[in-house]
N, C-alpha and C. Protein backbone atom coordinates (compact mmCIF):
# COMPACT_ATOMS: atom_id res chain seq x y z
N MET A 1 133.34 116.12 152.88
CA MET A 1 134.22 117.27 152.98
C MET A 1 135.50 117.07 152.18
N GLY A 2 135.97 115.82 152.03
CA GLY A 2 137.17 115.52 151.28
C GLY A 2 137.05 115.91 149.82
N LYS A 3 135.87 115.70 149.24
CA LYS A 3 135.64 116.03 147.83
C LYS A 3 135.72 117.55 147.60
N VAL A 4 135.16 118.33 148.52
CA VAL A 4 135.19 119.80 148.41
C VAL A 4 136.63 120.29 148.50
N LYS A 5 137.41 119.74 149.43
CA LYS A 5 138.82 120.13 149.57
C LYS A 5 139.59 119.77 148.30
N GLU A 6 139.31 118.60 147.75
CA GLU A 6 139.98 118.16 146.52
C GLU A 6 139.70 119.13 145.37
N ILE A 7 138.44 119.53 145.22
CA ILE A 7 138.06 120.48 144.16
C ILE A 7 138.74 121.83 144.41
N ASN A 8 138.71 122.30 145.66
CA ASN A 8 139.34 123.59 145.99
C ASN A 8 140.84 123.55 145.75
N ASP A 9 141.50 122.43 146.09
CA ASP A 9 142.93 122.29 145.84
C ASP A 9 143.22 122.32 144.33
N LYS A 10 142.37 121.64 143.57
CA LYS A 10 142.55 121.61 142.11
C LYS A 10 142.39 123.02 141.54
N ILE A 11 141.34 123.72 141.96
CA ILE A 11 141.11 125.09 141.47
C ILE A 11 142.30 125.97 141.82
N GLU A 12 142.79 125.85 143.05
CA GLU A 12 143.92 126.68 143.48
C GLU A 12 145.15 126.42 142.61
N ARG A 13 145.45 125.16 142.33
CA ARG A 13 146.60 124.83 141.48
C ARG A 13 146.38 125.39 140.07
N LEU A 14 145.19 125.18 139.51
CA LEU A 14 144.92 125.63 138.15
C LEU A 14 144.93 127.15 138.03
N GLN A 15 144.53 127.85 139.09
CA GLN A 15 144.55 129.32 139.06
C GLN A 15 145.97 129.85 138.93
N ASN A 16 146.95 129.04 139.29
CA ASN A 16 148.34 129.49 139.29
C ASN A 16 149.10 129.16 138.02
N ILE A 17 148.47 128.50 137.05
CA ILE A 17 149.18 128.25 135.80
C ILE A 17 148.84 129.34 134.79
N SER A 18 149.83 129.72 134.02
CA SER A 18 149.66 130.85 133.10
C SER A 18 148.59 130.60 132.05
N LEU A 19 148.37 129.37 131.69
CA LEU A 19 147.39 129.05 130.66
C LEU A 19 145.99 129.54 131.01
N LEU A 20 145.67 129.56 132.29
CA LEU A 20 144.33 129.96 132.74
C LEU A 20 144.32 131.34 133.37
N ARG A 21 145.33 132.12 133.07
CA ARG A 21 145.52 133.45 133.66
C ARG A 21 144.28 134.35 133.56
N GLU A 22 143.66 134.40 132.40
CA GLU A 22 142.56 135.34 132.21
C GLU A 22 141.27 134.93 132.90
N MET A 23 141.18 133.70 133.36
CA MET A 23 139.95 133.25 134.00
C MET A 23 140.13 132.97 135.48
N ARG A 24 141.32 133.18 136.01
CA ARG A 24 141.62 132.77 137.39
C ARG A 24 140.72 133.43 138.43
N ASP A 25 140.19 134.60 138.15
CA ASP A 25 139.35 135.29 139.14
C ASP A 25 137.86 134.99 138.99
N ASP A 26 137.50 134.21 137.99
CA ASP A 26 136.11 133.82 137.77
C ASP A 26 135.91 132.42 138.36
N LEU A 27 135.43 132.37 139.60
CA LEU A 27 135.30 131.10 140.30
C LEU A 27 134.38 130.13 139.58
N GLY A 28 133.33 130.62 138.96
CA GLY A 28 132.42 129.76 138.22
C GLY A 28 133.12 129.07 137.05
N ALA A 29 133.86 129.85 136.28
CA ALA A 29 134.58 129.30 135.14
C ALA A 29 135.68 128.35 135.60
N MET A 30 136.38 128.72 136.68
CA MET A 30 137.43 127.85 137.21
C MET A 30 136.84 126.53 137.70
N THR A 31 135.68 126.60 138.31
CA THR A 31 135.03 125.38 138.79
C THR A 31 134.64 124.49 137.61
N ARG A 32 134.12 125.11 136.54
CA ARG A 32 133.73 124.33 135.36
C ARG A 32 134.93 123.66 134.70
N ILE A 33 136.02 124.41 134.53
CA ILE A 33 137.16 123.80 133.86
C ILE A 33 137.86 122.80 134.78
N ALA A 34 137.91 123.08 136.07
CA ALA A 34 138.54 122.15 137.01
C ALA A 34 137.83 120.80 136.99
N ALA A 35 136.53 120.82 136.80
CA ALA A 35 135.76 119.57 136.76
C ALA A 35 136.16 118.70 135.57
N LEU A 36 136.74 119.30 134.54
CA LEU A 36 137.14 118.55 133.34
C LEU A 36 138.49 117.86 133.51
N PHE A 37 139.29 118.33 134.45
CA PHE A 37 140.61 117.74 134.69
C PHE A 37 140.47 116.49 135.55
N THR A 38 140.99 115.38 135.06
CA THR A 38 141.04 114.17 135.88
C THR A 38 142.39 114.14 136.60
N THR A 39 142.51 113.29 137.59
CA THR A 39 143.75 113.16 138.34
C THR A 39 144.32 111.77 138.10
N ILE A 40 145.61 111.72 137.76
CA ILE A 40 146.28 110.43 137.60
C ILE A 40 147.58 110.44 138.40
N SER A 41 148.02 109.26 138.77
CA SER A 41 149.31 109.08 139.46
C SER A 41 150.20 108.20 138.60
N ILE A 42 151.49 108.56 138.56
CA ILE A 42 152.47 107.77 137.81
C ILE A 42 153.71 107.62 138.68
N SER A 43 154.24 106.42 138.73
CA SER A 43 155.39 106.10 139.59
C SER A 43 156.69 106.65 139.03
N SER A 44 157.63 106.88 139.94
CA SER A 44 158.97 107.31 139.59
C SER A 44 159.58 106.35 138.58
N GLY A 45 160.26 106.92 137.57
CA GLY A 45 160.91 106.10 136.55
C GLY A 45 160.01 105.72 135.39
N LYS A 46 158.73 106.04 135.47
CA LYS A 46 157.78 105.71 134.40
C LYS A 46 157.55 106.93 133.51
N PRO A 47 157.26 106.69 132.23
CA PRO A 47 156.98 107.81 131.33
C PRO A 47 155.55 108.33 131.50
N VAL A 48 155.41 109.62 131.33
CA VAL A 48 154.07 110.24 131.28
C VAL A 48 153.63 110.24 129.82
N ILE A 49 154.51 110.72 128.96
CA ILE A 49 154.31 110.68 127.52
C ILE A 49 155.63 110.30 126.86
N ARG A 50 155.55 109.76 125.66
CA ARG A 50 156.75 109.36 124.92
C ARG A 50 156.84 110.14 123.61
N GLU A 51 158.05 110.56 123.30
CA GLU A 51 158.31 111.25 122.03
C GLU A 51 157.80 110.39 120.88
N ASN A 52 157.12 111.04 119.96
CA ASN A 52 156.55 110.45 118.73
C ASN A 52 155.24 109.69 118.94
N ASP A 53 154.82 109.47 120.18
CA ASP A 53 153.49 108.90 120.41
C ASP A 53 152.46 109.98 120.15
N GLU A 54 151.28 109.59 119.67
CA GLU A 54 150.21 110.56 119.51
C GLU A 54 149.57 110.80 120.86
N GLY A 55 149.05 112.01 121.05
CA GLY A 55 148.42 112.33 122.32
C GLY A 55 147.48 113.50 122.18
N ASP A 56 146.53 113.57 123.10
CA ASP A 56 145.59 114.68 123.09
C ASP A 56 145.33 115.22 124.50
N GLU A 57 146.35 115.11 125.39
CA GLU A 57 146.17 115.59 126.75
C GLU A 57 147.20 116.65 127.14
N LEU A 58 146.73 117.55 127.97
CA LEU A 58 147.57 118.53 128.65
C LEU A 58 147.73 118.03 130.08
N PHE A 59 148.93 118.16 130.65
CA PHE A 59 149.20 117.72 132.01
C PHE A 59 149.63 118.90 132.87
N VAL A 60 149.05 119.01 134.04
CA VAL A 60 149.47 119.98 135.05
C VAL A 60 150.07 119.15 136.18
N ILE A 61 151.28 119.49 136.59
CA ILE A 61 151.93 118.72 137.65
C ILE A 61 151.30 119.11 138.99
N LYS A 62 150.62 118.17 139.61
CA LYS A 62 150.03 118.38 140.94
C LYS A 62 151.09 118.18 142.01
N SER A 63 151.89 117.11 141.87
CA SER A 63 152.98 116.85 142.81
C SER A 63 154.07 116.05 142.10
N GLY A 64 155.30 116.28 142.53
CA GLY A 64 156.43 115.54 141.98
C GLY A 64 157.27 116.34 141.02
N THR A 65 158.22 115.62 140.39
CA THR A 65 159.18 116.21 139.46
C THR A 65 159.28 115.32 138.23
N VAL A 66 159.33 115.94 137.07
CA VAL A 66 159.50 115.22 135.80
C VAL A 66 160.70 115.77 135.06
N SER A 67 161.23 114.96 134.14
CA SER A 67 162.27 115.45 133.25
C SER A 67 161.73 115.39 131.82
N ILE A 68 162.08 116.42 131.06
CA ILE A 68 161.73 116.47 129.64
C ILE A 68 162.95 115.97 128.89
N GLU A 69 162.75 114.94 128.09
CA GLU A 69 163.87 114.30 127.40
C GLU A 69 163.62 114.27 125.89
N LYS A 70 164.69 114.46 125.15
CA LYS A 70 164.65 114.40 123.69
C LYS A 70 165.62 113.32 123.24
N ARG A 71 165.37 112.82 122.05
CA ARG A 71 166.20 111.78 121.46
C ARG A 71 167.13 112.42 120.42
N THR A 72 168.40 112.01 120.43
CA THR A 72 169.36 112.51 119.45
C THR A 72 169.23 111.71 118.16
N MET A 73 169.96 112.12 117.14
CA MET A 73 169.98 111.39 115.86
C MET A 73 170.57 110.00 116.04
N GLN A 74 171.40 109.82 117.10
CA GLN A 74 172.00 108.52 117.38
C GLN A 74 171.10 107.68 118.30
N ASP A 75 169.89 108.17 118.55
CA ASP A 75 168.90 107.47 119.36
C ASP A 75 169.24 107.45 120.86
N ASP A 76 170.06 108.40 121.30
CA ASP A 76 170.35 108.56 122.73
C ASP A 76 169.41 109.62 123.29
N PHE A 77 169.12 109.53 124.59
CA PHE A 77 168.28 110.53 125.24
C PHE A 77 169.15 111.56 125.95
N TYR A 78 168.71 112.79 125.95
CA TYR A 78 169.33 113.82 126.78
C TYR A 78 168.21 114.60 127.46
N THR A 79 168.49 115.08 128.66
CA THR A 79 167.50 115.82 129.44
C THR A 79 167.54 117.28 129.04
N VAL A 80 166.40 117.79 128.63
CA VAL A 80 166.27 119.19 128.25
C VAL A 80 166.11 120.05 129.51
N THR A 81 165.24 119.59 130.40
CA THR A 81 164.98 120.33 131.64
C THR A 81 164.21 119.44 132.61
N GLU A 82 164.12 119.89 133.84
CA GLU A 82 163.28 119.24 134.84
C GLU A 82 162.21 120.23 135.26
N LEU A 83 161.02 119.71 135.52
CA LEU A 83 159.88 120.53 135.93
C LEU A 83 159.37 120.02 137.27
N LYS A 84 159.04 120.95 138.17
CA LYS A 84 158.55 120.60 139.50
C LYS A 84 157.16 121.16 139.72
N ALA A 85 156.37 120.47 140.52
CA ALA A 85 155.00 120.90 140.79
C ALA A 85 154.96 122.32 141.33
N GLY A 86 155.88 122.68 142.20
CA GLY A 86 155.88 124.00 142.80
C GLY A 86 156.07 125.14 141.83
N ASP A 87 156.50 124.81 140.61
CA ASP A 87 156.71 125.83 139.58
C ASP A 87 155.43 126.16 138.83
N ASN A 88 154.31 125.50 139.21
CA ASN A 88 153.02 125.70 138.54
C ASN A 88 153.16 125.48 137.03
N ILE A 89 153.65 124.30 136.72
CA ILE A 89 154.03 123.95 135.35
C ILE A 89 153.00 123.02 134.72
N PHE A 90 152.88 123.17 133.40
CA PHE A 90 152.07 122.25 132.61
C PHE A 90 152.88 121.87 131.38
N PHE A 91 152.49 120.78 130.74
CA PHE A 91 153.14 120.35 129.51
C PHE A 91 152.13 119.57 128.69
N GLY A 92 152.46 119.37 127.42
CA GLY A 92 151.55 118.68 126.51
C GLY A 92 150.48 119.58 125.93
N GLU A 93 150.63 120.88 126.13
CA GLU A 93 149.60 121.84 125.73
C GLU A 93 149.34 121.90 124.23
N VAL A 94 150.36 121.58 123.43
CA VAL A 94 150.17 121.61 121.98
C VAL A 94 149.07 120.63 121.57
N ALA A 95 148.94 119.54 122.31
CA ALA A 95 147.94 118.51 121.99
C ALA A 95 146.51 119.02 122.12
N LEU A 96 146.31 120.12 122.83
CA LEU A 96 144.96 120.69 122.89
C LEU A 96 144.55 121.28 121.55
N LEU A 97 145.54 121.68 120.76
CA LEU A 97 145.28 122.27 119.45
C LEU A 97 145.50 121.27 118.32
N ASP A 98 146.46 120.37 118.50
CA ASP A 98 146.86 119.47 117.43
C ASP A 98 147.27 118.13 118.02
N PRO A 99 146.40 117.14 117.96
CA PRO A 99 146.72 115.84 118.57
C PRO A 99 147.64 115.00 117.70
N ASP A 100 148.80 115.53 117.44
CA ASP A 100 149.78 114.84 116.60
C ASP A 100 150.83 114.19 117.50
N LYS A 101 151.96 113.85 116.94
CA LYS A 101 153.01 113.19 117.69
C LYS A 101 153.62 114.11 118.73
N ARG A 102 153.94 113.54 119.88
CA ARG A 102 154.58 114.27 120.97
C ARG A 102 156.01 114.63 120.58
N SER A 103 156.45 115.81 120.98
CA SER A 103 157.77 116.30 120.59
C SER A 103 158.87 115.90 121.58
N ALA A 104 158.51 115.32 122.72
CA ALA A 104 159.50 114.93 123.72
C ALA A 104 158.92 113.82 124.59
N THR A 105 159.81 113.18 125.33
CA THR A 105 159.41 112.21 126.34
C THR A 105 159.42 112.93 127.69
N VAL A 106 158.43 112.65 128.50
CA VAL A 106 158.37 113.20 129.86
C VAL A 106 158.41 112.01 130.81
N MET A 107 159.46 111.98 131.65
CA MET A 107 159.67 110.89 132.60
C MET A 107 159.47 111.40 134.02
N CYS A 108 158.85 110.57 134.86
CA CYS A 108 158.70 110.91 136.28
C CYS A 108 160.02 110.67 137.00
N LYS A 109 160.56 111.70 137.60
CA LYS A 109 161.77 111.58 138.41
C LYS A 109 161.44 111.15 139.83
N THR A 110 160.20 111.43 140.24
CA THR A 110 159.67 111.04 141.54
C THR A 110 158.27 110.48 141.29
N ASN A 111 157.64 109.94 142.33
CA ASN A 111 156.23 109.61 142.19
C ASN A 111 155.49 110.92 141.93
N CYS A 112 154.60 110.91 140.96
CA CYS A 112 153.94 112.15 140.53
C CYS A 112 152.43 111.98 140.46
N GLU A 113 151.76 113.10 140.63
CA GLU A 113 150.33 113.19 140.35
C GLU A 113 150.14 114.34 139.37
N PHE A 114 149.18 114.15 138.47
CA PHE A 114 148.91 115.13 137.44
C PHE A 114 147.42 115.40 137.34
N TYR A 115 147.07 116.64 136.99
CA TYR A 115 145.73 116.96 136.53
C TYR A 115 145.81 116.89 135.00
N VAL A 116 144.86 116.21 134.39
CA VAL A 116 144.91 115.97 132.95
C VAL A 116 143.64 116.50 132.29
N LEU A 117 143.83 117.28 131.22
CA LEU A 117 142.72 117.80 130.42
C LEU A 117 142.87 117.24 129.00
N THR A 118 141.81 116.63 128.48
CA THR A 118 141.86 116.09 127.12
C THR A 118 141.42 117.14 126.11
N ARG A 119 141.85 116.96 124.89
CA ARG A 119 141.47 117.86 123.80
C ARG A 119 139.95 117.92 123.62
N PRO A 120 139.23 116.78 123.57
CA PRO A 120 137.77 116.88 123.44
C PRO A 120 137.12 117.68 124.57
N ASP A 121 137.58 117.51 125.79
CA ASP A 121 137.02 118.28 126.91
C ASP A 121 137.35 119.76 126.78
N PHE A 122 138.59 120.07 126.33
CA PHE A 122 138.96 121.46 126.11
C PHE A 122 138.10 122.10 125.03
N LEU A 123 137.91 121.39 123.92
CA LEU A 123 137.10 121.92 122.82
C LEU A 123 135.65 122.13 123.27
N HIS A 124 135.12 121.20 124.03
CA HIS A 124 133.75 121.33 124.54
C HIS A 124 133.66 122.55 125.47
N PHE A 125 134.64 122.69 126.37
CA PHE A 125 134.66 123.84 127.28
C PHE A 125 134.70 125.14 126.47
N GLY A 126 135.56 125.20 125.45
CA GLY A 126 135.68 126.40 124.63
C GLY A 126 134.40 126.73 123.89
N ASN A 127 133.69 125.71 123.41
CA ASN A 127 132.42 125.93 122.73
C ASN A 127 131.36 126.45 123.70
N GLU A 128 131.38 125.94 124.91
CA GLU A 128 130.40 126.36 125.93
C GLU A 128 130.78 127.69 126.58
N ASN A 129 132.05 128.02 126.57
CA ASN A 129 132.58 129.23 127.23
C ASN A 129 133.53 129.94 126.27
N PRO A 130 133.00 130.52 125.18
CA PRO A 130 133.87 131.05 124.13
C PRO A 130 134.84 132.14 124.62
N LYS A 131 134.44 132.94 125.58
CA LYS A 131 135.33 133.98 126.10
C LYS A 131 136.61 133.35 126.66
N TYR A 132 136.44 132.31 127.46
CA TYR A 132 137.61 131.68 128.08
C TYR A 132 138.30 130.70 127.14
N GLY A 133 137.56 130.07 126.26
CA GLY A 133 138.18 129.22 125.26
C GLY A 133 139.13 130.02 124.39
N LEU A 134 138.70 131.22 123.99
CA LEU A 134 139.54 132.11 123.20
C LEU A 134 140.75 132.58 124.01
N ALA A 135 140.54 132.90 125.28
CA ALA A 135 141.65 133.36 126.13
C ALA A 135 142.72 132.27 126.27
N ILE A 136 142.29 131.03 126.46
CA ILE A 136 143.24 129.93 126.58
C ILE A 136 143.95 129.71 125.25
N THR A 137 143.22 129.77 124.15
CA THR A 137 143.82 129.60 122.84
C THR A 137 144.84 130.71 122.56
N ARG A 138 144.54 131.93 122.97
CA ARG A 138 145.50 133.03 122.81
C ARG A 138 146.77 132.76 123.60
N GLU A 139 146.62 132.27 124.82
CA GLU A 139 147.80 131.97 125.64
C GLU A 139 148.60 130.83 125.01
N LEU A 140 147.93 129.82 124.50
CA LEU A 140 148.62 128.74 123.79
C LEU A 140 149.39 129.31 122.59
N SER A 141 148.76 130.20 121.86
CA SER A 141 149.41 130.82 120.69
C SER A 141 150.63 131.63 121.12
N ARG A 142 150.51 132.36 122.21
CA ARG A 142 151.64 133.15 122.72
C ARG A 142 152.81 132.24 123.06
N ILE A 143 152.52 131.13 123.73
CA ILE A 143 153.55 130.15 124.11
C ILE A 143 154.23 129.59 122.86
N LEU A 144 153.43 129.20 121.88
CA LEU A 144 153.98 128.61 120.65
C LEU A 144 154.80 129.63 119.86
N CYS A 145 154.34 130.87 119.81
CA CYS A 145 155.11 131.92 119.11
C CYS A 145 156.45 132.16 119.79
N LYS A 146 156.46 132.16 121.10
CA LYS A 146 157.71 132.34 121.85
C LYS A 146 158.67 131.20 121.53
N ARG A 147 158.17 129.97 121.48
CA ARG A 147 159.02 128.82 121.15
C ARG A 147 159.53 128.91 119.72
N LEU A 148 158.69 129.35 118.79
CA LEU A 148 159.10 129.47 117.40
C LEU A 148 160.20 130.52 117.25
N ARG A 149 160.06 131.65 117.94
CA ARG A 149 161.10 132.68 117.88
C ARG A 149 162.42 132.14 118.43
N LYS A 150 162.35 131.40 119.54
CA LYS A 150 163.57 130.82 120.12
C LYS A 150 164.18 129.80 119.16
N ALA A 151 163.35 128.96 118.55
CA ALA A 151 163.85 127.97 117.60
C ALA A 151 164.54 128.67 116.42
N ASN A 152 163.96 129.76 115.93
CA ASN A 152 164.57 130.51 114.84
C ASN A 152 165.94 131.04 115.24
N THR A 153 166.03 131.60 116.44
CA THR A 153 167.31 132.11 116.94
C THR A 153 168.32 130.98 117.09
N ASP A 154 167.86 129.84 117.61
CA ASP A 154 168.76 128.69 117.77
C ASP A 154 169.27 128.20 116.42
N ILE A 155 168.42 128.17 115.42
CA ILE A 155 168.83 127.73 114.08
C ILE A 155 169.89 128.66 113.51
N ILE A 156 169.70 129.96 113.66
CA ILE A 156 170.69 130.93 113.17
C ILE A 156 172.01 130.76 113.90
N THR A 157 171.94 130.57 115.21
CA THR A 157 173.16 130.37 116.00
C THR A 157 173.90 129.12 115.54
N LEU A 158 173.17 128.04 115.36
CA LEU A 158 173.79 126.79 114.90
C LEU A 158 174.38 126.94 113.50
N PHE A 159 173.66 127.62 112.61
CA PHE A 159 174.15 127.83 111.25
C PHE A 159 175.44 128.64 111.28
N ASP A 160 175.44 129.73 112.07
CA ASP A 160 176.65 130.57 112.17
C ASP A 160 177.83 129.76 112.73
N ALA A 161 177.57 128.94 113.73
CA ALA A 161 178.64 128.12 114.31
C ALA A 161 179.16 127.11 113.29
N LEU A 162 178.28 126.52 112.50
CA LEU A 162 178.68 125.56 111.48
C LEU A 162 179.53 126.24 110.41
N VAL A 163 179.11 127.39 109.95
CA VAL A 163 179.87 128.13 108.94
C VAL A 163 181.24 128.49 109.47
N GLU A 164 181.29 128.97 110.71
CA GLU A 164 182.57 129.34 111.32
C GLU A 164 183.48 128.12 111.46
N GLU A 165 182.94 127.00 111.90
CA GLU A 165 183.72 125.77 112.05
C GLU A 165 184.25 125.30 110.69
N MET A 166 183.42 125.37 109.69
CA MET A 166 183.86 124.94 108.35
C MET A 166 184.94 125.87 107.82
N ALA A 167 184.80 127.17 108.05
CA ALA A 167 185.79 128.12 107.58
C ALA A 167 187.14 127.90 108.28
N GLU A 168 187.11 127.62 109.58
CA GLU A 168 188.34 127.40 110.35
C GLU A 168 189.02 126.10 109.92
N SER A 169 188.25 125.12 109.49
CA SER A 169 188.83 123.84 109.09
C SER A 169 189.22 123.83 107.61
N GLY A 170 189.00 124.93 106.93
CA GLY A 170 189.35 125.02 105.52
C GLY A 170 188.30 124.42 104.60
N GLY A 171 187.14 124.17 105.14
CA GLY A 171 186.08 123.54 104.35
C GLY A 171 185.32 124.50 103.46
N LEU A 172 185.52 125.79 103.63
CA LEU A 172 184.84 126.78 102.78
C LEU A 172 185.88 127.58 102.02
N ALA A 173 185.67 127.70 100.74
CA ALA A 173 186.55 128.53 99.91
C ALA A 173 186.15 129.97 100.09
N GLU A 174 187.13 130.82 100.29
CA GLU A 174 186.85 132.25 100.53
C GLU A 174 186.78 133.01 99.25
């Protein structure tokens, strides 16, 4: 009975993440994809992933809290945000499409458990279930487009602030 409860708990958590939105009501598909997610535990203070390491896994926070950290040009870390299991959060999703270097470090703030999906398992699932593979890929694309638009806005804001600062300091000839 413990195994059935574990699968049902996993399905319930996965149904609540936006990435699987289009398939959440298809119990068969949810059961198939849930079976691909493994469960891992990581202790407080330990990294889940490190910036610039290569990776091919997506993580869904089952329990606990993590911080997303970036490195400055001076090699110092700063916290971008904290993510909690109750927020139905996932991270590392870019690795499902492109197993390149990680863009941030994720540190466990508490003891954590994660559901983990690897890129090969995702690709296999998508090949076997093209309707849902496409739906997940569309959601990943939507997420990445939203981030790109925000990055563009941030770049313009920073550029404008730099120009204004230079003009105020007399660094730009009018």
